[in-house]
Amino acid sequence: MDDRRVAGMVELLKAVADPTRLHMLAILAGARAPVCVCDLTATFNLSQPTISHHMAKLRRAGLVSSTRRGIWGYYELRAEARPTITTILELR
């Protein structure tokens, strides 16, 4: 495995190793539409900046994408990341 692939895998594994981010990925994997940051703040009882911080890490790892609608950010699992996340979520 080349160094670039190793670095990408390390970033992905670090991103999903956090319990809050893993739970967020599970929510996004089960969602039929992009999820509003406002819904995530209510679910996790965390501030919007904290949710955005977690989502930024997931975006950098290539797992989620975001769009803006007015003042709200909406997040969704990237299609190309879905098989990987589904596999991770099925691990015991």
Protein backbone atom coordinates (compact mmCIF):
# COMPACT_ATOMS: atom_id res chain seq x y z
CA MET A 1 0.00 0.00 0.00
CA ASP A 2 1.48 3.36 -0.96
CA ASP A 3 1.94 6.24 1.49
CA ARG A 4 -0.90 8.32 0.02
CA ARG A 5 -3.41 5.50 0.44
CA VAL A 6 -2.20 4.89 3.99
CA ALA A 7 -2.65 8.59 4.84
CA GLY A 8 -6.19 8.53 3.43
CA MET A 9 -7.08 5.41 5.39
CA VAL A 10 -5.69 6.90 8.60
CA GLU A 11 -7.78 10.06 8.11
CA LEU A 12 -10.90 7.97 7.47
CA LEU A 13 -10.31 5.76 10.51
CA LYS A 14 -9.65 8.75 12.77
CA ALA A 15 -12.85 10.39 11.53
CA VAL A 16 -15.03 7.38 12.30
CA ALA A 17 -13.29 6.46 15.58
CA ASP A 18 -15.07 9.23 17.49
CA PRO A 19 -18.37 7.98 19.02
CA THR A 20 -20.30 11.14 18.15
CA ARG A 21 -19.11 11.12 14.53
CA LEU A 22 -19.86 7.42 14.18
CA HIS A 23 -23.39 8.04 15.46
CA MET A 24 -23.74 10.97 13.03
CA LEU A 25 -22.68 8.72 10.16
CA ALA A 26 -25.28 6.15 11.20
CA ILE A 27 -27.96 8.86 11.14
CA LEU A 28 -26.85 10.07 7.71
CA ALA A 29 -26.69 6.50 6.39
CA GLY A 30 -30.31 5.95 7.40
CA ALA A 31 -31.60 9.31 6.17
CA ARG A 32 -33.59 9.58 2.96
CA ALA A 33 -32.72 13.26 2.54
CA PRO A 34 -29.95 15.61 3.71
CA VAL A 35 -30.06 16.23 7.47
CA CYS A 36 -30.17 19.77 8.85
CA VAL A 37 -27.54 20.80 11.36
CA CYS A 38 -30.45 21.94 13.55
CA ASP A 39 -31.68 18.35 13.77
CA LEU A 40 -28.22 17.12 14.71
CA THR A 41 -27.85 19.73 17.45
CA ALA A 42 -31.16 18.58 18.94
CA THR A 43 -30.24 14.89 18.65
CA PHE A 44 -26.84 15.23 20.30
CA ASN A 45 -27.57 18.18 22.60
CA LEU A 46 -24.43 19.84 21.24
CA SER A 47 -23.92 23.36 19.97
CA GLN A 48 -24.03 24.13 16.27
CA PRO A 49 -20.28 24.97 16.19
CA THR A 50 -19.48 21.59 17.77
CA ILE A 51 -21.64 19.75 15.23
CA SER A 52 -20.01 21.73 12.42
CA HIS A 53 -16.56 20.81 13.78
CA HIS A 54 -17.43 17.11 13.69
CA MET A 55 -18.91 17.43 10.22
CA ALA A 56 -15.81 19.24 8.96
CA LYS A 57 -13.72 16.24 9.98
CA LEU A 58 -16.10 13.91 8.17
CA ARG A 59 -16.00 16.14 5.07
CA ARG A 60 -12.19 16.19 5.07
CA ALA A 61 -12.24 12.39 5.25
CA GLY A 62 -14.47 12.38 2.13
CA LEU A 63 -17.44 10.82 3.91
CA VAL A 64 -20.06 13.58 3.87
CA SER A 65 -21.02 16.54 1.75
CA SER A 66 -22.87 19.67 2.75
CA THR A 67 -25.13 22.27 1.20
CA ARG A 68 -26.50 25.55 2.51
CA ARG A 69 -30.15 26.50 2.48
CA GLY A 70 -30.56 29.93 3.92
CA ILE A 71 -28.82 29.98 7.28
CA TRP A 72 -28.82 26.19 7.73
CA GLY A 73 -26.31 23.61 6.63
CA TYR A 74 -27.54 20.22 5.44
CA TYR A 75 -25.38 17.12 5.46
CA GLU A 76 -25.54 13.84 3.63
CA LEU A 77 -23.41 10.78 3.22
CA ARG A 78 -21.48 10.91 -0.05
CA ALA A 79 -22.66 8.20 -2.45
CA GLU A 80 -19.14 6.86 -2.96
CA ALA A 81 -18.66 6.59 0.82
CA ARG A 82 -21.91 4.68 1.43
CA PRO A 83 -20.47 1.15 0.90
CA THR A 84 -17.55 1.88 3.23
CA ILE A 85 -19.74 3.37 5.95
CA THR A 86 -22.29 0.57 5.64
CA THR A 87 -19.49 -1.97 6.15
CA ILE A 88 -18.12 -0.06 9.16
CA LEU A 89 -21.56 0.22 10.74
CA GLU A 90 -22.08 -3.55 10.38
CA LEU A 91 -18.84 -4.40 12.23
CA ARG A 92 -19.11 -5.72 15.77
